[in-house]
Amino acid sequence: MDKYVFETDDNKEMNIVTNRYKLIMTLNELSNWRRELYKGYDNKIKYFCNGKLYNEMELYEDESVPRDEHGLITDCHDIYMVDDIIDKIDDILYDVRDILDNY
């Protein structure tokens, strides 16, 4: 087994070293959320279509939403509300907030 020694006289540096797992887990959670957004798995996504905002259920139930010949919805844009983004980022950063505030 390898042994590593970290020496410092800086409290901020030592705090980062001792909390490295929290920092890594936070980055991993951020990466997972990015993946959820990319794949459309996040349930906070809204859809802008025909000048209206829809959640997923409303979008599929509304028959006035434009569809192609196969019934697939067209001309809609994914929207993420600013407040939802801020809330999610706050949730992700919760465990490392003290580390960030003190650095």
PDB file of N, CA and C in Angstrom:
ATOM      1  N   MET A   1       0.847  -1.179   0.000  1.00  0.00           N
ATOM      2  CA  MET A   1       0.000   0.000   0.000  1.00  0.00           C
ATOM      3  C   MET A   1       0.892   1.241   0.000  1.00  0.00           C
ATOM      4  N   ASP A   2       0.573   2.167  -0.876  1.00  0.00           N
ATOM      5  CA  ASP A   2       1.319   3.421  -0.939  1.00  0.00           C
ATOM      6  C   ASP A   2       0.815   4.377   0.135  1.00  0.00           C
ATOM      7  N   LYS A   3       1.716   5.183   0.632  1.00  0.00           N
ATOM      8  CA  LYS A   3       1.358   6.171   1.635  1.00  0.00           C
ATOM      9  C   LYS A   3       1.812   7.530   1.116  1.00  0.00           C
ATOM     10  N   TYR A   4       0.905   8.518   1.220  1.00  0.00           N
ATOM     11  CA  TYR A   4       1.208   9.863   0.765  1.00  0.00           C
ATOM     12  C   TYR A   4       1.030  10.819   1.935  1.00  0.00           C
ATOM     13  N   VAL A   5       1.914  11.765   2.021  1.00  0.00           N
ATOM     14  CA  VAL A   5       1.868  12.757   3.089  1.00  0.00           C
ATOM     15  C   VAL A   5       1.689  14.121   2.443  1.00  0.00           C
ATOM     16  N   PHE A   6       0.743  14.870   2.992  1.00  0.00           N
ATOM     17  CA  PHE A   6       0.491  16.218   2.489  1.00  0.00           C
ATOM     18  C   PHE A   6       0.799  17.189   3.621  1.00  0.00           C
ATOM     19  N   GLU A   7       1.718  18.081   3.370  1.00  0.00           N
ATOM     20  CA  GLU A   7       2.089  19.058   4.388  1.00  0.00           C
ATOM     21  C   GLU A   7       1.734  20.448   3.892  1.00  0.00           C
ATOM     22  N   THR A   8       1.141  21.206   4.784  1.00  0.00           N
ATOM     23  CA  THR A   8       0.814  22.586   4.460  1.00  0.00           C
ATOM     24  C   THR A   8       0.638  23.363   5.748  1.00  0.00           C
ATOM     25  N   ASP A   9       0.826  24.648   5.657  1.00  0.00           N
ATOM     26  CA  ASP A   9       0.532  25.505   6.804  1.00  0.00           C
ATOM     27  C   ASP A   9      -0.655  26.415   6.484  1.00  0.00           C
ATOM     28  N   ASP A  10      -1.340  26.092   5.406  1.00  0.00           N
ATOM     29  CA  ASP A  10      -2.512  26.866   4.968  1.00  0.00           C
ATOM     30  C   ASP A  10      -3.785  26.084   5.297  1.00  0.00           C
ATOM     31  N   ASN A  11      -4.634  26.649   6.134  1.00  0.00           N
ATOM     32  CA  ASN A  11      -5.885  25.983   6.529  1.00  0.00           C
ATOM     33  C   ASN A  11      -6.814  25.744   5.345  1.00  0.00           C
ATOM     34  N   LYS A  12      -6.833  26.673   4.401  1.00  0.00           N
ATOM     35  CA  LYS A  12      -7.705  26.531   3.238  1.00  0.00           C
ATOM     36  C   LYS A  12      -7.293  25.322   2.394  1.00  0.00           C
ATOM     37  N   GLU A  13      -6.000  25.175   2.175  1.00  0.00           N
ATOM     38  CA  GLU A  13      -5.508  24.030   1.400  1.00  0.00           C
ATOM     39  C   GLU A  13      -5.821  22.724   2.117  1.00  0.00           C
ATOM     40  N   MET A  14      -5.620  22.706   3.416  1.00  0.00           N
ATOM     41  CA  MET A  14      -5.873  21.488   4.169  1.00  0.00           C
ATOM     42  C   MET A  14      -7.361  21.146   4.166  1.00  0.00           C
ATOM     43  N   ASN A  15      -8.200  22.141   4.222  1.00  0.00           N
ATOM     44  CA  ASN A  15      -9.645  21.921   4.172  1.00  0.00           C
ATOM     45  C   ASN A  15     -10.055  21.276   2.853  1.00  0.00           C
ATOM     46  N   ILE A  16      -9.423  21.690   1.769  1.00  0.00           N
ATOM     47  CA  ILE A  16      -9.712  21.087   0.462  1.00  0.00           C
ATOM     48  C   ILE A  16      -9.257  19.627   0.436  1.00  0.00           C
ATOM     49  N   VAL A  17      -8.083  19.362   0.967  1.00  0.00           N
ATOM     50  CA  VAL A  17      -7.571  17.991   0.986  1.00  0.00           C
ATOM     51  C   VAL A  17      -8.474  17.083   1.824  1.00  0.00           C
ATOM     52  N   THR A  18      -8.849  17.545   2.990  1.00  0.00           N
ATOM     53  CA  THR A  18      -9.662  16.694   3.873  1.00  0.00           C
ATOM     54  C   THR A  18     -11.085  16.530   3.372  1.00  0.00           C
ATOM     55  N   ASN A  19     -11.546  17.437   2.522  1.00  0.00           N
ATOM     56  CA  ASN A  19     -12.908  17.358   1.995  1.00  0.00           C
ATOM     57  C   ASN A  19     -12.944  16.991   0.520  1.00  0.00           C
ATOM     58  N   ARG A  20     -11.881  16.401   0.041  1.00  0.00           N
ATOM     59  CA  ARG A  20     -11.799  16.087  -1.390  1.00  0.00           C
ATOM     60  C   ARG A  20     -12.916  15.156  -1.851  1.00  0.00           C
ATOM     61  N   TYR A  21     -13.350  14.236  -1.001  1.00  0.00           N
ATOM     62  CA  TYR A  21     -14.421  13.323  -1.408  1.00  0.00           C
ATOM     63  C   TYR A  21     -15.745  14.060  -1.577  1.00  0.00           C
ATOM     64  N   LYS A  22     -16.003  15.032  -0.713  1.00  0.00           N
ATOM     65  CA  LYS A  22     -17.215  15.849  -0.876  1.00  0.00           C
ATOM     66  C   LYS A  22     -17.159  16.608  -2.200  1.00  0.00           C
ATOM     67  N   LEU A  23     -15.996  17.160  -2.504  1.00  0.00           N
ATOM     68  CA  LEU A  23     -15.837  17.912  -3.743  1.00  0.00           C
ATOM     69  C   LEU A  23     -16.012  17.013  -4.963  1.00  0.00           C
ATOM     70  N   ILE A  24     -15.440  15.834  -4.908  1.00  0.00           N
ATOM     71  CA  ILE A  24     -15.569  14.891  -6.028  1.00  0.00           C
ATOM     72  C   ILE A  24     -17.019  14.437  -6.184  1.00  0.00           C
ATOM     73  N   MET A  25     -17.685  14.156  -5.087  1.00  0.00           N
ATOM     74  CA  MET A  25     -19.088  13.730  -5.157  1.00  0.00           C
ATOM     75  C   MET A  25     -19.966  14.849  -5.714  1.00  0.00           C
ATOM     76  N   THR A  26     -19.668  16.081  -5.360  1.00  0.00           N
ATOM     77  CA  THR A  26     -20.425  17.220  -5.883  1.00  0.00           C
ATOM     78  C   THR A  26     -20.218  17.356  -7.390  1.00  0.00           C
ATOM     79  N   LEU A  27     -18.984  17.222  -7.840  1.00  0.00           N
ATOM     80  CA  LEU A  27     -18.713  17.271  -9.285  1.00  0.00           C
ATOM     81  C   LEU A  27     -19.400  16.120 -10.006  1.00  0.00           C
ATOM     82  N   ASN A  28     -19.418  14.959  -9.390  1.00  0.00           N
ATOM     83  CA  ASN A  28     -20.096  13.809  -9.978  1.00  0.00           C
ATOM     84  C   ASN A  28     -21.603  14.068 -10.080  1.00  0.00           C
ATOM     85  N   GLU A  29     -22.179  14.657  -9.050  1.00  0.00           N
ATOM     86  CA  GLU A  29     -23.613  14.978  -9.087  1.00  0.00           C
ATOM     87  C   GLU A  29     -23.916  16.002 -10.175  1.00  0.00           C
ATOM     88  N   LEU A  30     -23.037  16.988 -10.330  1.00  0.00           N
ATOM     89  CA  LEU A  30     -23.201  17.972 -11.395  1.00  0.00           C
ATOM     90  C   LEU A  30     -23.108  17.306 -12.769  1.00  0.00           C
ATOM     91  N   SER A  31     -22.178  16.391 -12.921  1.00  0.00           N
ATOM     92  CA  SER A  31     -22.036  15.649 -14.171  1.00  0.00           C
ATOM     93  C   SER A  31     -23.277  14.804 -14.460  1.00  0.00           C
ATOM     94  N   ASN A  32     -23.810  14.171 -13.439  1.00  0.00           N
ATOM     95  CA  ASN A  32     -25.032  13.373 -13.615  1.00  0.00           C
ATOM     96  C   ASN A  32     -26.210  14.238 -14.031  1.00  0.00           C
ATOM     97  N   TRP A  33     -26.333  15.421 -13.434  1.00  0.00           N
ATOM     98  CA  TRP A  33     -27.427  16.324 -13.794  1.00  0.00           C
ATOM     99  C   TRP A  33     -27.278  16.773 -15.249  1.00  0.00           C
ATOM    100  N   ARG A  34     -26.047  17.050 -15.657  1.00  0.00           N
ATOM    101  CA  ARG A  34     -25.803  17.424 -17.046  1.00  0.00           C
ATOM    102  C   ARG A  34     -26.260  16.317 -17.989  1.00  0.00           C
ATOM    103  N   ARG A  35     -25.974  15.065 -17.621  1.00  0.00           N
ATOM    104  CA  ARG A  35     -26.389  13.915 -18.418  1.00  0.00           C
ATOM    105  C   ARG A  35     -27.920  13.819 -18.470  1.00  0.00           C
ATOM    106  N   GLU A  36     -28.570  14.048 -17.327  1.00  0.00           N
ATOM    107  CA  GLU A  36     -30.037  14.017 -17.282  1.00  0.00           C
ATOM    108  C   GLU A  36     -30.633  15.081 -18.190  1.00  0.00           C
ATOM    109  N   LEU A  37     -30.045  16.265 -18.180  1.00  0.00           N
ATOM    110  CA  LEU A  37     -30.535  17.337 -19.055  1.00  0.00           C
ATOM    111  C   LEU A  37     -30.343  16.966 -20.520  1.00  0.00           C
ATOM    112  N   TYR A  38     -29.178  16.449 -20.856  1.00  0.00           N
ATOM    113  CA  TYR A  38     -28.877  16.089 -22.236  1.00  0.00           C
ATOM    114  C   TYR A  38     -29.846  15.034 -22.757  1.00  0.00           C
ATOM    115  N   LYS A  39     -30.153  14.059 -21.920  1.00  0.00           N
ATOM    116  CA  LYS A  39     -31.036  12.972 -22.344  1.00  0.00           C
ATOM    117  C   LYS A  39     -32.514  13.294 -22.146  1.00  0.00           C
ATOM    118  N   GLY A  40     -32.802  14.451 -21.547  1.00  0.00           N
ATOM    119  CA  GLY A  40     -34.195  14.853 -21.341  1.00  0.00           C
ATOM    120  C   GLY A  40     -34.856  14.138 -20.178  1.00  0.00           C
ATOM    121  N   TYR A  41     -34.073  13.617 -19.236  1.00  0.00           N
ATOM    122  CA  TYR A  41     -34.623  12.871 -18.109  1.00  0.00           C
ATOM    123  C   TYR A  41     -35.068  13.747 -16.950  1.00  0.00           C
ATOM    124  N   ASP A  42     -34.583  14.982 -16.898  1.00  0.00           N
ATOM    125  CA  ASP A  42     -34.911  15.839 -15.764  1.00  0.00           C
ATOM    126  C   ASP A  42     -36.387  16.231 -15.833  1.00  0.00           C
ATOM    127  N   ASN A  43     -37.112  16.050 -14.741  1.00  0.00           N
ATOM    128  CA  ASN A  43     -38.556  16.303 -14.769  1.00  0.00           C
ATOM    129  C   ASN A  43     -38.921  17.769 -14.579  1.00  0.00           C
ATOM    130  N   LYS A  44     -37.945  18.649 -14.461  1.00  0.00           N
ATOM    131  CA  LYS A  44     -38.237  20.083 -14.340  1.00  0.00           C
ATOM    132  C   LYS A  44     -38.239  20.782 -15.701  1.00  0.00           C
ATOM    133  N   ILE A  45     -37.944  20.056 -16.758  1.00  0.00           N
ATOM    134  CA  ILE A  45     -37.905  20.649 -18.088  1.00  0.00           C
ATOM    135  C   ILE A  45     -39.324  21.021 -18.510  1.00  0.00           C
ATOM    136  N   LYS A  46     -39.452  22.217 -19.054  1.00  0.00           N
ATOM    137  CA  LYS A  46     -40.710  22.686 -19.623  1.00  0.00           C
ATOM    138  C   LYS A  46     -40.537  22.720 -21.142  1.00  0.00           C
ATOM    139  N   TYR A  47     -41.646  22.801 -21.831  1.00  0.00           N
ATOM    140  CA  TYR A  47     -41.616  22.807 -23.291  1.00  0.00           C
ATOM    141  C   TYR A  47     -42.357  24.030 -23.796  1.00  0.00           C
ATOM    142  N   PHE A  48     -41.734  24.755 -24.735  1.00  0.00           N
ATOM    143  CA  PHE A  48     -42.338  25.945 -25.316  1.00  0.00           C
ATOM    144  C   PHE A  48     -42.804  25.603 -26.715  1.00  0.00           C
ATOM    145  N   CYS A  49     -44.112  25.708 -26.884  1.00  0.00           N
ATOM    146  CA  CYS A  49     -44.708  25.334 -28.166  1.00  0.00           C
ATOM    147  C   CYS A  49     -45.969  26.166 -28.372  1.00  0.00           C
ATOM    148  N   ASN A  50     -46.164  26.683 -29.552  1.00  0.00           N
ATOM    149  CA  ASN A  50     -47.349  27.483 -29.853  1.00  0.00           C
ATOM    150  C   ASN A  50     -47.509  28.666 -28.904  1.00  0.00           C
ATOM    151  N   GLY A  51     -46.410  29.238 -28.441  1.00  0.00           N
ATOM    152  CA  GLY A  51     -46.486  30.390 -27.552  1.00  0.00           C
ATOM    153  C   GLY A  51     -46.878  30.066 -26.126  1.00  0.00           C
ATOM    154  N   LYS A  52     -46.904  28.778 -25.767  1.00  0.00           N
ATOM    155  CA  LYS A  52     -47.285  28.365 -24.416  1.00  0.00           C
ATOM    156  C   LYS A  52     -46.198  27.490 -23.815  1.00  0.00           C
ATOM    157  N   LEU A  53     -46.114  27.509 -22.475  1.00  0.00           N
ATOM    158  CA  LEU A  53     -45.231  26.606 -21.747  1.00  0.00           C
ATOM    159  C   LEU A  53     -46.028  25.400 -21.282  1.00  0.00           C
ATOM    160  N   TYR A  54     -45.464  24.231 -21.475  1.00  0.00           N
ATOM    161  CA  TYR A  54     -46.112  22.979 -21.084  1.00  0.00           C
ATOM    162  C   TYR A  54     -45.169  22.163 -20.206  1.00  0.00           C
ATOM    163  N   ASN A  55     -45.732  21.376 -19.300  1.00  0.00           N
ATOM    164  CA  ASN A  55     -44.929  20.312 -18.709  1.00  0.00           C
ATOM    165  C   ASN A  55     -45.086  19.118 -19.644  1.00  0.00           C
ATOM    166  N   GLU A  56     -44.418  18.016 -19.359  1.00  0.00           N
ATOM    167  CA  GLU A  56     -44.418  16.893 -20.299  1.00  0.00           C
ATOM    168  C   GLU A  56     -45.817  16.323 -20.524  1.00  0.00           C
ATOM    169  N   MET A  57     -46.584  16.160 -19.471  1.00  0.00           N
ATOM    170  CA  MET A  57     -47.914  15.575 -19.598  1.00  0.00           C
ATOM    171  C   MET A  57     -48.840  16.487 -20.404  1.00  0.00           C
ATOM    172  N   GLU A  58     -48.813  17.783 -20.101  1.00  0.00           N
ATOM    173  CA  GLU A  58     -49.661  18.731 -20.821  1.00  0.00           C
ATOM    174  C   GLU A  58     -49.314  18.752 -22.302  1.00  0.00           C
ATOM    175  N   LEU A  59     -48.023  18.665 -22.609  1.00  0.00           N
ATOM    176  CA  LEU A  59     -47.580  18.703 -23.995  1.00  0.00           C
ATOM    177  C   LEU A  59     -48.162  17.544 -24.798  1.00  0.00           C
ATOM    178  N   TYR A  60     -48.116  16.361 -24.241  1.00  0.00           N
ATOM    179  CA  TYR A  60     -48.602  15.188 -24.977  1.00  0.00           C
ATOM    180  C   TYR A  60     -50.123  15.106 -25.014  1.00  0.00           C
ATOM    181  N   GLU A  61     -50.800  15.721 -24.047  1.00  0.00           N
ATOM    182  CA  GLU A  61     -52.264  15.680 -24.009  1.00  0.00           C
ATOM    183  C   GLU A  61     -52.909  16.745 -24.893  1.00  0.00           C
ATOM    184  N   ASP A  62     -52.217  17.861 -25.110  1.00  0.00           N
ATOM    185  CA  ASP A  62     -52.787  18.960 -25.887  1.00  0.00           C
ATOM    186  C   ASP A  62     -52.781  18.601 -27.371  1.00  0.00           C
ATOM    187  N   GLU A  63     -53.943  18.504 -27.942  1.00  0.00           N
ATOM    188  CA  GLU A  63     -54.062  18.113 -29.348  1.00  0.00           C
ATOM    189  C   GLU A  63     -53.785  19.263 -30.311  1.00  0.00           C
ATOM    190  N   SER A  64     -53.698  20.503 -29.784  1.00  0.00           N
ATOM    191  CA  SER A  64     -53.417  21.639 -30.660  1.00  0.00           C
ATOM    192  C   SER A  64     -51.917  21.812 -30.924  1.00  0.00           C
ATOM    193  N   VAL A  65     -51.089  21.028 -30.247  1.00  0.00           N
ATOM    194  CA  VAL A  65     -49.643  21.088 -30.448  1.00  0.00           C
ATOM    195  C   VAL A  65     -49.327  20.521 -31.834  1.00  0.00           C
ATOM    196  N   PRO A  66     -48.489  21.222 -32.621  1.00  0.00           N
ATOM    197  CA  PRO A  66     -48.189  20.745 -33.977  1.00  0.00           C
ATOM    198  C   PRO A  66     -47.474  19.390 -33.974  1.00  0.00           C
ATOM    199  N   ARG A  67     -47.947  18.516 -34.844  1.00  0.00           N
ATOM    200  CA  ARG A  67     -47.375  17.171 -34.961  1.00  0.00           C
ATOM    201  C   ARG A  67     -47.141  16.856 -36.435  1.00  0.00           C
ATOM    202  N   ASP A  68     -46.199  15.959 -36.667  1.00  0.00           N
ATOM    203  CA  ASP A  68     -45.947  15.536 -38.043  1.00  0.00           C
ATOM    204  C   ASP A  68     -46.920  14.418 -38.422  1.00  0.00           C
ATOM    205  N   GLU A  69     -46.732  13.863 -39.616  1.00  0.00           N
ATOM    206  CA  GLU A  69     -47.648  12.822 -40.113  1.00  0.00           C
ATOM    207  C   GLU A  69     -47.617  11.546 -39.281  1.00  0.00           C
ATOM    208  N   HIS A  70     -46.589  11.376 -38.439  1.00  0.00           N
ATOM    209  CA  HIS A  70     -46.487  10.189 -37.591  1.00  0.00           C
ATOM    210  C   HIS A  70     -46.982  10.450 -36.167  1.00  0.00           C
ATOM    211  N   GLY A  71     -47.448  11.674 -35.921  1.00  0.00           N
ATOM    212  CA  GLY A  71     -47.942  12.024 -34.592  1.00  0.00           C
ATOM    213  C   GLY A  71     -46.870  12.525 -33.641  1.00  0.00           C
ATOM    214  N   LEU A  72     -45.657  12.706 -34.150  1.00  0.00           N
ATOM    215  CA  LEU A  72     -44.570  13.210 -33.307  1.00  0.00           C
ATOM    216  C   LEU A  72     -44.643  14.730 -33.209  1.00  0.00           C
ATOM    217  N   ILE A  73     -44.420  15.253 -32.028  1.00  0.00           N
ATOM    218  CA  ILE A  73     -44.507  16.686 -31.782  1.00  0.00           C
ATOM    219  C   ILE A  73     -43.370  17.402 -32.489  1.00  0.00           C
ATOM    220  N   THR A  74     -43.706  18.509 -33.139  1.00  0.00           N
ATOM    221  CA  THR A  74     -42.708  19.306 -33.861  1.00  0.00           C
ATOM    222  C   THR A  74     -42.729  20.735 -33.346  1.00  0.00           C
ATOM    223  N   ASP A  75     -41.699  21.484 -33.685  1.00  0.00           N
ATOM    224  CA  ASP A  75     -41.611  22.920 -33.371  1.00  0.00           C
ATOM    225  C   ASP A  75     -41.770  23.245 -31.894  1.00  0.00           C
ATOM    226  N   CYS A  76     -41.159  22.445 -31.021  1.00  0.00           N
ATOM    227  CA  CYS A  76     -41.163  22.724 -29.587  1.00  0.00           C
ATOM    228  C   CYS A  76     -39.717  22.859 -29.109  1.00  0.00           C
ATOM    229  N   HIS A  77     -39.540  23.687 -28.102  1.00  0.00           N
ATOM    230  CA  HIS A  77     -38.212  23.914 -27.540  1.00  0.00           C
ATOM    231  C   HIS A  77     -38.218  23.553 -26.062  1.00  0.00           C
ATOM    232  N   ASP A  78     -37.146  22.898 -25.628  1.00  0.00           N
ATOM    233  CA  ASP A  78     -36.990  22.594 -24.210  1.00  0.00           C
ATOM    234  C   ASP A  78     -36.607  23.875 -23.481  1.00  0.00           C
ATOM    235  N   ILE A  79     -37.250  24.110 -22.343  1.00  0.00           N
ATOM    236  CA  ILE A  79     -37.002  25.309 -21.546  1.00  0.00           C
ATOM    237  C   ILE A  79     -36.739  24.886 -20.110  1.00  0.00           C
ATOM    238  N   TYR A  80     -35.763  25.512 -19.487  1.00  0.00           N
ATOM    239  CA  TYR A  80     -35.490  25.273 -18.069  1.00  0.00           C
ATOM    240  C   TYR A  80     -35.603  26.626 -17.383  1.00  0.00           C
ATOM    241  N   MET A  81     -36.472  26.739 -16.402  1.00  0.00           N
ATOM    242  CA  MET A  81     -36.714  28.001 -15.722  1.00  0.00           C
ATOM    243  C   MET A  81     -35.512  28.362 -14.837  1.00  0.00           C
ATOM    244  N   VAL A  82     -35.178  29.649 -14.801  1.00  0.00           N
ATOM    245  CA  VAL A  82     -34.024  30.126 -14.048  1.00  0.00           C
ATOM    246  C   VAL A  82     -34.121  29.720 -12.576  1.00  0.00           C
ATOM    247  N   ASP A  83     -35.284  29.869 -11.972  1.00  0.00           N
ATOM    248  CA  ASP A  83     -35.450  29.503 -10.556  1.00  0.00           C
ATOM    249  C   ASP A  83     -35.185  28.013 -10.337  1.00  0.00           C
ATOM    250  N   ASP A  84     -35.593  27.175 -11.277  1.00  0.00           N
ATOM    251  CA  ASP A  84     -35.333  25.737 -11.167  1.00  0.00           C
ATOM    252  C   ASP A  84     -33.835  25.437 -11.270  1.00  0.00           C
ATOM    253  N   ILE A  85     -33.136  26.172 -12.145  1.00  0.00           N
ATOM    254  CA  ILE A  85     -31.692  25.989 -12.277  1.00  0.00           C
ATOM    255  C   ILE A  85     -30.991  26.397 -10.986  1.00  0.00           C
ATOM    256  N   ILE A  86     -31.361  27.551 -10.443  1.00  0.00           N
ATOM    257  CA  ILE A  86     -30.749  28.026  -9.200  1.00  0.00           C
ATOM    258  C   ILE A  86     -31.006  27.042  -8.066  1.00  0.00           C
ATOM    259  N   ASP A  87     -32.236  26.550  -7.949  1.00  0.00           N
ATOM    260  CA  ASP A  87     -32.563  25.579  -6.899  1.00  0.00           C
ATOM    261  C   ASP A  87     -31.738  24.309  -7.044  1.00  0.00           C
ATOM    262  N   LYS A  88     -31.584  23.814  -8.266  1.00  0.00           N
ATOM    263  CA  LYS A  88     -30.820  22.593  -8.498  1.00  0.00           C
ATOM    264  C   LYS A  88     -29.340  22.795  -8.175  1.00  0.00           C
ATOM    265  N   ILE A  89     -28.785  23.912  -8.600  1.00  0.00           N
ATOM    266  CA  ILE A  89     -27.381  24.202  -8.295  1.00  0.00           C
ATOM    267  C   ILE A  89     -27.182  24.323  -6.786  1.00  0.00           C
ATOM    268  N   ASP A  90     -28.105  24.991  -6.110  1.00  0.00           N
ATOM    269  CA  ASP A  90     -28.029  25.089  -4.651  1.00  0.00           C
ATOM    270  C   ASP A  90     -28.063  23.715  -4.004  1.00  0.00           C
ATOM    271  N   ASP A  91     -28.916  22.839  -4.489  1.00  0.00           N
ATOM    272  CA  ASP A  91     -28.987  21.470  -3.961  1.00  0.00           C
ATOM    273  C   ASP A  91     -27.667  20.723  -4.157  1.00  0.00           C
ATOM    274  N   ILE A  92     -27.102  20.861  -5.340  1.00  0.00           N
ATOM    275  CA  ILE A  92     -25.849  20.163  -5.653  1.00  0.00           C
ATOM    276  C   ILE A  92     -24.705  20.692  -4.789  1.00  0.00           C
ATOM    277  N   LEU A  93     -24.650  22.004  -4.598  1.00  0.00           N
ATOM    278  CA  LEU A  93     -23.539  22.617  -3.869  1.00  0.00           C
ATOM    279  C   LEU A  93     -23.722  22.626  -2.348  1.00  0.00           C
ATOM    280  N   TYR A  94     -24.846  22.141  -1.866  1.00  0.00           N
ATOM    281  CA  TYR A  94     -25.151  22.227  -0.438  1.00  0.00           C
ATOM    282  C   TYR A  94     -24.036  21.675   0.449  1.00  0.00           C
ATOM    283  N   ASP A  95     -23.522  20.500   0.139  1.00  0.00           N
ATOM    284  CA  ASP A  95     -22.519  19.854   0.988  1.00  0.00           C
ATOM    285  C   ASP A  95     -21.143  20.513   0.931  1.00  0.00           C
ATOM    286  N   VAL A  96     -20.892  21.315  -0.087  1.00  0.00           N
ATOM    287  CA  VAL A  96     -19.568  21.950  -0.202  1.00  0.00           C
ATOM    288  C   VAL A  96     -19.635  23.474  -0.070  1.00  0.00           C
ATOM    289  N   ARG A  97     -20.779  23.988   0.283  1.00  0.00           N
ATOM    290  CA  ARG A  97     -20.943  25.446   0.375  1.00  0.00           C
ATOM    291  C   ARG A  97     -19.934  26.064   1.340  1.00  0.00           C
ATOM    292  N   ASP A  98     -19.715  25.435   2.490  1.00  0.00           N
ATOM    293  CA  ASP A  98     -18.769  25.990   3.467  1.00  0.00           C
ATOM    294  C   ASP A  98     -17.336  25.979   2.928  1.00  0.00           C
ATOM    295  N   ILE A  99     -16.989  24.988   2.152  1.00  0.00           N
ATOM    296  CA  ILE A  99     -15.655  24.937   1.546  1.00  0.00           C
ATOM    297  C   ILE A  99     -15.495  26.077   0.543  1.00  0.00           C
ATOM    298  N   LEU A 100     -16.509  26.285  -0.282  1.00  0.00           N
ATOM    299  CA  LEU A 100     -16.445  27.335  -1.292  1.00  0.00           C
ATOM    300  C   LEU A 100     -16.455  28.734  -0.649  1.00  0.00           C
ATOM    301  N   ASP A 101     -17.271  28.898   0.367  1.00  0.00           N
ATOM    302  CA  ASP A 101     -17.379  30.212   1.025  1.00  0.00           C
ATOM    303  C   ASP A 101     -16.086  30.601   1.732  1.00  0.00           C
ATOM    304  N   ASN A 102     -15.357  29.612   2.221  1.00  0.00           N
ATOM    305  CA  ASN A 102     -14.136  29.908   2.965  1.00  0.00           C
ATOM    306  C   ASN A 102     -12.882  29.942   2.099  1.00  0.00           C
ATOM    307  N   TYR A 103     -13.002  29.658   0.824  1.00  0.00           N
ATOM    308  CA  TYR A 103     -11.818  29.664  -0.015  1.00  0.00           C
ATOM    309  C   TYR A 103     -11.661  30.979  -0.648  1.00  0.00           C
TER     310      TYR A 103
END
